[in-house]
Amino acid sequence: MTLKDVGSGKKLVYTLVDVREADASSGKISTSSPVGQALLDRAVGDEVTIVVPRGTLHYVIQRIGS
């Protein structure tokens, strides 16, 4: 999944995985994490706002799949 950070314009690439496979440093985030939960069942073009311990994230989904 490719996301664009609304604030910075930076592109991020994440793969949603099971909690046992999660490794944030390699872009693999758990479907049970706050970010993973917010990205489930979304479509290209959706804007997502996610509240995390470090603040609020604002993304636009640009691509789903590899």
PDB file of N, CA and C in Angstrom:
ATOM      1  N   MET A   1       0.847  -1.157   0.000  1.00  0.00           N
ATOM      2  CA  MET A   1       0.000   0.000   0.000  1.00  0.00           C
ATOM      3  C   MET A   1       0.901   1.230   0.000  1.00  0.00           C
ATOM      4  N   THR A   2       0.621   2.155  -0.918  1.00  0.00           N
ATOM      5  CA  THR A   2       1.382   3.397  -0.985  1.00  0.00           C
ATOM      6  C   THR A   2       0.512   4.528  -0.461  1.00  0.00           C
ATOM      7  N   LEU A   3       1.077   5.288   0.464  1.00  0.00           N
ATOM      8  CA  LEU A   3       0.372   6.395   1.090  1.00  0.00           C
ATOM      9  C   LEU A   3       1.139   7.682   0.852  1.00  0.00           C
ATOM     10  N   LYS A   4       0.400   8.781   0.842  1.00  0.00           N
ATOM     11  CA  LYS A   4       1.032  10.099   0.780  1.00  0.00           C
ATOM     12  C   LYS A   4       0.686  10.828   2.062  1.00  0.00           C
ATOM     13  N   ASP A   5       1.705  11.294   2.768  1.00  0.00           N
ATOM     14  CA  ASP A   5       1.500  12.087   3.972  1.00  0.00           C
ATOM     15  C   ASP A   5       0.996  13.458   3.539  1.00  0.00           C
ATOM     16  N   VAL A   6      -0.205  13.814   3.973  1.00  0.00           N
ATOM     17  CA  VAL A   6      -0.836  15.063   3.556  1.00  0.00           C
ATOM     18  C   VAL A   6       0.000  16.280   3.968  1.00  0.00           C
ATOM     19  N   GLY A   7       0.584  16.253   5.141  1.00  0.00           N
ATOM     20  CA  GLY A   7       1.358  17.387   5.635  1.00  0.00           C
ATOM     21  C   GLY A   7       2.677  17.609   4.919  1.00  0.00           C
ATOM     22  N   SER A   8       3.423  16.537   4.734  1.00  0.00           N
ATOM     23  CA  SER A   8       4.770  16.670   4.175  1.00  0.00           C
ATOM     24  C   SER A   8       4.867  16.340   2.685  1.00  0.00           C
ATOM     25  N   GLY A   9       3.872  15.632   2.163  1.00  0.00           N
ATOM     26  CA  GLY A   9       3.925  15.197   0.769  1.00  0.00           C
ATOM     27  C   GLY A   9       4.760  13.944   0.571  1.00  0.00           C
ATOM     28  N   LYS A  10       5.356  13.447   1.650  1.00  0.00           N
ATOM     29  CA  LYS A  10       6.211  12.273   1.584  1.00  0.00           C
ATOM     30  C   LYS A  10       5.397  11.019   1.268  1.00  0.00           C
ATOM     31  N   LYS A  11       5.963  10.144   0.426  1.00  0.00           N
ATOM     32  CA  LYS A  11       5.313   8.875   0.113  1.00  0.00           C
ATOM     33  C   LYS A  11       5.835   7.791   1.053  1.00  0.00           C
ATOM     34  N   LEU A  12       4.928   6.952   1.502  1.00  0.00           N
ATOM     35  CA  LEU A  12       5.260   5.839   2.388  1.00  0.00           C
ATOM     36  C   LEU A  12       4.705   4.558   1.790  1.00  0.00           C
ATOM     37  N   VAL A  13       5.449   3.475   1.944  1.00  0.00           N
ATOM     38  CA  VAL A  13       4.987   2.181   1.455  1.00  0.00           C
ATOM     39  C   VAL A  13       4.916   1.231   2.637  1.00  0.00           C
ATOM     40  N   TYR A  14       3.728   0.687   2.872  1.00  0.00           N
ATOM     41  CA  TYR A  14       3.507  -0.260   3.962  1.00  0.00           C
ATOM     42  C   TYR A  14       2.909  -1.542   3.415  1.00  0.00           C
ATOM     43  N   THR A  15       3.242  -2.635   4.072  1.00  0.00           N
ATOM     44  CA  THR A  15       2.596  -3.917   3.823  1.00  0.00           C
ATOM     45  C   THR A  15       1.897  -4.308   5.112  1.00  0.00           C
ATOM     46  N   LEU A  16       0.597  -4.614   5.018  1.00  0.00           N
ATOM     47  CA  LEU A  16      -0.159  -5.039   6.193  1.00  0.00           C
ATOM     48  C   LEU A  16       0.047  -6.531   6.392  1.00  0.00           C
ATOM     49  N   VAL A  17       0.472  -6.908   7.580  1.00  0.00           N
ATOM     50  CA  VAL A  17       0.792  -8.303   7.881  1.00  0.00           C
ATOM     51  C   VAL A  17       0.213  -8.707   9.234  1.00  0.00           C
ATOM     52  N   ASP A  18       0.259  -9.998   9.507  1.00  0.00           N
ATOM     53  CA  ASP A  18      -0.124 -10.526  10.815  1.00  0.00           C
ATOM     54  C   ASP A  18       0.858 -10.002  11.859  1.00  0.00           C
ATOM     55  N   VAL A  19       0.394  -9.898  13.088  1.00  0.00           N
ATOM     56  CA  VAL A  19       1.218  -9.356  14.171  1.00  0.00           C
ATOM     57  C   VAL A  19       2.553 -10.103  14.306  1.00  0.00           C
ATOM     58  N   ARG A  20       2.590 -11.387  13.987  1.00  0.00           N
ATOM     59  CA  ARG A  20       3.826 -12.182  14.105  1.00  0.00           C
ATOM     60  C   ARG A  20       4.853 -11.830  13.046  1.00  0.00           C
ATOM     61  N   GLU A  21       4.431 -11.184  11.960  1.00  0.00           N
ATOM     62  CA  GLU A  21       5.340 -10.835  10.870  1.00  0.00           C
ATOM     63  C   GLU A  21       5.717  -9.351  10.878  1.00  0.00           C
ATOM     64  N   ALA A  22       5.121  -8.588  11.767  1.00  0.00           N
ATOM     65  CA  ALA A  22       5.313  -7.137  11.770  1.00  0.00           C
ATOM     66  C   ALA A  22       6.767  -6.744  12.011  1.00  0.00           C
ATOM     67  N   ASP A  23       7.224  -5.775  11.255  1.00  0.00           N
ATOM     68  CA  ASP A  23       8.565  -5.204  11.388  1.00  0.00           C
ATOM     69  C   ASP A  23       8.509  -3.800  10.797  1.00  0.00           C
ATOM     70  N   ALA A  24       8.221  -2.830  11.636  1.00  0.00           N
ATOM     71  CA  ALA A  24       8.020  -1.449  11.169  1.00  0.00           C
ATOM     72  C   ALA A  24       9.221  -0.910  10.404  1.00  0.00           C
ATOM     73  N   SER A  25      10.425  -1.325  10.779  1.00  0.00           N
ATOM     74  CA  SER A  25      11.619  -0.810  10.112  1.00  0.00           C
ATOM     75  C   SER A  25      11.707  -1.243   8.653  1.00  0.00           C
ATOM     76  N   SER A  26      11.001  -2.329   8.291  1.00  0.00           N
ATOM     77  CA  SER A  26      10.993  -2.769   6.897  1.00  0.00           C
ATOM     78  C   SER A  26       9.645  -2.514   6.232  1.00  0.00           C
ATOM     79  N   GLY A  27       8.807  -1.682   6.858  1.00  0.00           N
ATOM     80  CA  GLY A  27       7.539  -1.302   6.251  1.00  0.00           C
ATOM     81  C   GLY A  27       6.413  -2.304   6.421  1.00  0.00           C
ATOM     82  N   LYS A  28       6.608  -3.286   7.289  1.00  0.00           N
ATOM     83  CA  LYS A  28       5.565  -4.293   7.543  1.00  0.00           C
ATOM     84  C   LYS A  28       4.855  -3.937   8.843  1.00  0.00           C
ATOM     85  N   ILE A  29       3.581  -3.534   8.728  1.00  0.00           N
ATOM     86  CA  ILE A  29       2.848  -3.150   9.927  1.00  0.00           C
ATOM     87  C   ILE A  29       1.699  -4.124  10.183  1.00  0.00           C
ATOM     88  N   SER A  30       1.463  -4.360  11.443  1.00  0.00           N
ATOM     89  CA  SER A  30       0.448  -5.312  11.875  1.00  0.00           C
ATOM     90  C   SER A  30      -0.954  -4.786  11.590  1.00  0.00           C
ATOM     91  N   THR A  31      -1.824  -5.684  11.163  1.00  0.00           N
ATOM     92  CA  THR A  31      -3.228  -5.311  10.941  1.00  0.00           C
ATOM     93  C   THR A  31      -3.924  -4.992  12.253  1.00  0.00           C
ATOM     94  N   SER A  32      -3.324  -5.354  13.380  1.00  0.00           N
ATOM     95  CA  SER A  32      -3.931  -5.044  14.677  1.00  0.00           C
ATOM     96  C   SER A  32      -3.388  -3.754  15.294  1.00  0.00           C
ATOM     97  N   SER A  33      -2.412  -3.116  14.645  1.00  0.00           N
ATOM     98  CA  SER A  33      -1.883  -1.839  15.131  1.00  0.00           C
ATOM     99  C   SER A  33      -2.875  -0.728  14.783  1.00  0.00           C
ATOM    100  N   PRO A  34      -2.771   0.427  15.441  1.00  0.00           N
ATOM    101  CA  PRO A  34      -3.675   1.539  15.107  1.00  0.00           C
ATOM    102  C   PRO A  34      -3.622   1.928  13.624  1.00  0.00           C
ATOM    103  N   VAL A  35      -2.425   1.975  13.066  1.00  0.00           N
ATOM    104  CA  VAL A  35      -2.287   2.333  11.654  1.00  0.00           C
ATOM    105  C   VAL A  35      -2.870   1.229  10.772  1.00  0.00           C
ATOM    106  N   GLY A  36      -2.548  -0.007  11.077  1.00  0.00           N
ATOM    107  CA  GLY A  36      -3.072  -1.133  10.305  1.00  0.00           C
ATOM    108  C   GLY A  36      -4.591  -1.184  10.332  1.00  0.00           C
ATOM    109  N   GLN A  37      -5.177  -1.003  11.503  1.00  0.00           N
ATOM    110  CA  GLN A  37      -6.640  -0.995  11.642  1.00  0.00           C
ATOM    111  C   GLN A  37      -7.267   0.105  10.792  1.00  0.00           C
ATOM    112  N   ALA A  38      -6.665   1.278  10.797  1.00  0.00           N
ATOM    113  CA  ALA A  38      -7.213   2.415  10.056  1.00  0.00           C
ATOM    114  C   ALA A  38      -7.133   2.219   8.542  1.00  0.00           C
ATOM    115  N   LEU A  39      -6.177   1.400   8.089  1.00  0.00           N
ATOM    116  CA  LEU A  39      -5.987   1.202   6.657  1.00  0.00           C
ATOM    117  C   LEU A  39      -6.783   0.034   6.090  1.00  0.00           C
ATOM    118  N   LEU A  40      -7.292  -0.832   6.951  1.00  0.00           N
ATOM    119  CA  LEU A  40      -8.072  -1.976   6.474  1.00  0.00           C
ATOM    120  C   LEU A  40      -9.350  -1.501   5.785  1.00  0.00           C
ATOM    121  N   ASP A  41      -9.722  -2.197   4.727  1.00  0.00           N
ATOM    122  CA  ASP A  41     -10.969  -1.935   3.997  1.00  0.00           C
ATOM    123  C   ASP A  41     -11.055  -0.521   3.438  1.00  0.00           C
ATOM    124  N   ARG A  42      -9.946   0.025   3.029  1.00  0.00           N
ATOM    125  CA  ARG A  42      -9.914   1.354   2.414  1.00  0.00           C
ATOM    126  C   ARG A  42      -9.687   1.215   0.917  1.00  0.00           C
ATOM    127  N   ALA A  43      -9.936   2.287   0.205  1.00  0.00           N
ATOM    128  CA  ALA A  43      -9.787   2.296  -1.251  1.00  0.00           C
ATOM    129  C   ALA A  43      -8.828   3.408  -1.670  1.00  0.00           C
ATOM    130  N   VAL A  44      -8.323   3.302  -2.891  1.00  0.00           N
ATOM    131  CA  VAL A  44      -7.452   4.333  -3.442  1.00  0.00           C
ATOM    132  C   VAL A  44      -8.212   5.656  -3.443  1.00  0.00           C
ATOM    133  N   GLY A  45      -7.538   6.707  -2.992  1.00  0.00           N
ATOM    134  CA  GLY A  45      -8.134   8.031  -2.931  1.00  0.00           C
ATOM    135  C   GLY A  45      -8.703   8.380  -1.569  1.00  0.00           C
ATOM    136  N   ASP A  46      -8.880   7.369  -0.708  1.00  0.00           N
ATOM    137  CA  ASP A  46      -9.404   7.633   0.633  1.00  0.00           C
ATOM    138  C   ASP A  46      -8.402   8.446   1.436  1.00  0.00           C
ATOM    139  N   GLU A  47      -8.916   9.422   2.201  1.00  0.00           N
ATOM    140  CA  GLU A  47      -8.103  10.153   3.170  1.00  0.00           C
ATOM    141  C   GLU A  47      -8.295   9.498   4.520  1.00  0.00           C
ATOM    142  N   VAL A  48      -7.202   9.257   5.213  1.00  0.00           N
ATOM    143  CA  VAL A  48      -7.238   8.559   6.494  1.00  0.00           C
ATOM    144  C   VAL A  48      -6.571   9.433   7.551  1.00  0.00           C
ATOM    145  N   THR A  49      -7.239   9.607   8.687  1.00  0.00           N
ATOM    146  CA  THR A  49      -6.669  10.305   9.829  1.00  0.00           C
ATOM    147  C   THR A  49      -6.526   9.288  10.950  1.00  0.00           C
ATOM    148  N   ILE A  50      -5.307   9.174  11.482  1.00  0.00           N
ATOM    149  CA  ILE A  50      -5.009   8.156  12.480  1.00  0.00           C
ATOM    150  C   ILE A  50      -4.380   8.821  13.702  1.00  0.00           C
ATOM    151  N   VAL A  51      -4.966   8.573  14.867  1.00  0.00           N
ATOM    152  CA  VAL A  51      -4.406   9.099  16.106  1.00  0.00           C
ATOM    153  C   VAL A  51      -3.461   8.038  16.677  1.00  0.00           C
ATOM    154  N   VAL A  52      -2.199   8.418  16.842  1.00  0.00           N
ATOM    155  CA  VAL A  52      -1.168   7.533  17.390  1.00  0.00           C
ATOM    156  C   VAL A  52      -0.534   8.240  18.590  1.00  0.00           C
ATOM    157  N   PRO A  53       0.236   7.509  19.396  1.00  0.00           N
ATOM    158  CA  PRO A  53       0.837   8.139  20.583  1.00  0.00           C
ATOM    159  C   PRO A  53       1.647   9.403  20.288  1.00  0.00           C
ATOM    160  N   ARG A  54       2.263   9.496  19.123  1.00  0.00           N
ATOM    161  CA  ARG A  54       3.094  10.662  18.800  1.00  0.00           C
ATOM    162  C   ARG A  54       2.318  11.802  18.144  1.00  0.00           C
ATOM    163  N   GLY A  55       1.007  11.644  17.978  1.00  0.00           N
ATOM    164  CA  GLY A  55       0.218  12.710  17.355  1.00  0.00           C
ATOM    165  C   GLY A  55      -0.829  12.149  16.407  1.00  0.00           C
ATOM    166  N   THR A  56      -1.144  12.927  15.399  1.00  0.00           N
ATOM    167  CA  THR A  56      -2.155  12.536  14.427  1.00  0.00           C
ATOM    168  C   THR A  56      -1.516  12.457  13.048  1.00  0.00           C
ATOM    169  N   LEU A  57      -1.789  11.371  12.342  1.00  0.00           N
ATOM    170  CA  LEU A  57      -1.273  11.162  11.000  1.00  0.00           C
ATOM    171  C   LEU A  57      -2.386  11.394   9.989  1.00  0.00           C
ATOM    172  N   HIS A  58      -2.064  12.020   8.866  1.00  0.00           N
ATOM    173  CA  HIS A  58      -3.034  12.257   7.796  1.00  0.00           C
ATOM    174  C   HIS A  58      -2.444  11.705   6.502  1.00  0.00           C
ATOM    175  N   TYR A  59      -3.095  10.703   5.931  1.00  0.00           N
ATOM    176  CA  TYR A  59      -2.611  10.081   4.707  1.00  0.00           C
ATOM    177  C   TYR A  59      -3.700  10.064   3.644  1.00  0.00           C
ATOM    178  N   VAL A  60      -3.272  10.001   2.392  1.00  0.00           N
ATOM    179  CA  VAL A  60      -4.148   9.703   1.268  1.00  0.00           C
ATOM    180  C   VAL A  60      -3.625   8.412   0.674  1.00  0.00           C
ATOM    181  N   ILE A  61      -4.515   7.455   0.440  1.00  0.00           N
ATOM    182  CA  ILE A  61      -4.110   6.168  -0.136  1.00  0.00           C
ATOM    183  C   ILE A  61      -3.936   6.362  -1.634  1.00  0.00           C
ATOM    184  N   GLN A  62      -2.734   6.067  -2.132  1.00  0.00           N
ATOM    185  CA  GLN A  62      -2.425   6.258  -3.542  1.00  0.00           C
ATOM    186  C   GLN A  62      -2.430   4.956  -4.330  1.00  0.00           C
ATOM    187  N   ARG A  63      -2.114   3.868  -3.665  1.00  0.00           N
ATOM    188  CA  ARG A  63      -2.050   2.586  -4.363  1.00  0.00           C
ATOM    189  C   ARG A  63      -2.241   1.466  -3.382  1.00  0.00           C
ATOM    190  N   ILE A  64      -2.946   0.424  -3.810  1.00  0.00           N
ATOM    191  CA  ILE A  64      -3.118  -0.780  -2.997  1.00  0.00           C
ATOM    192  C   ILE A  64      -2.604  -1.955  -3.807  1.00  0.00           C
ATOM    193  N   GLY A  65      -1.824  -2.804  -3.172  1.00  0.00           N
ATOM    194  CA  GLY A  65      -1.240  -3.949  -3.856  1.00  0.00           C
ATOM    195  C   GLY A  65       0.193  -3.671  -4.233  1.00  0.00           C
ATOM    196  N   SER A  66       0.811  -4.673  -4.864  1.00  0.00           N
ATOM    197  CA  SER A  66       2.248  -4.533  -5.176  1.00  0.00           C
ATOM    198  C   SER A  66       2.528  -3.989  -6.531  1.00  0.00           C
TER     199      SER A  66
END
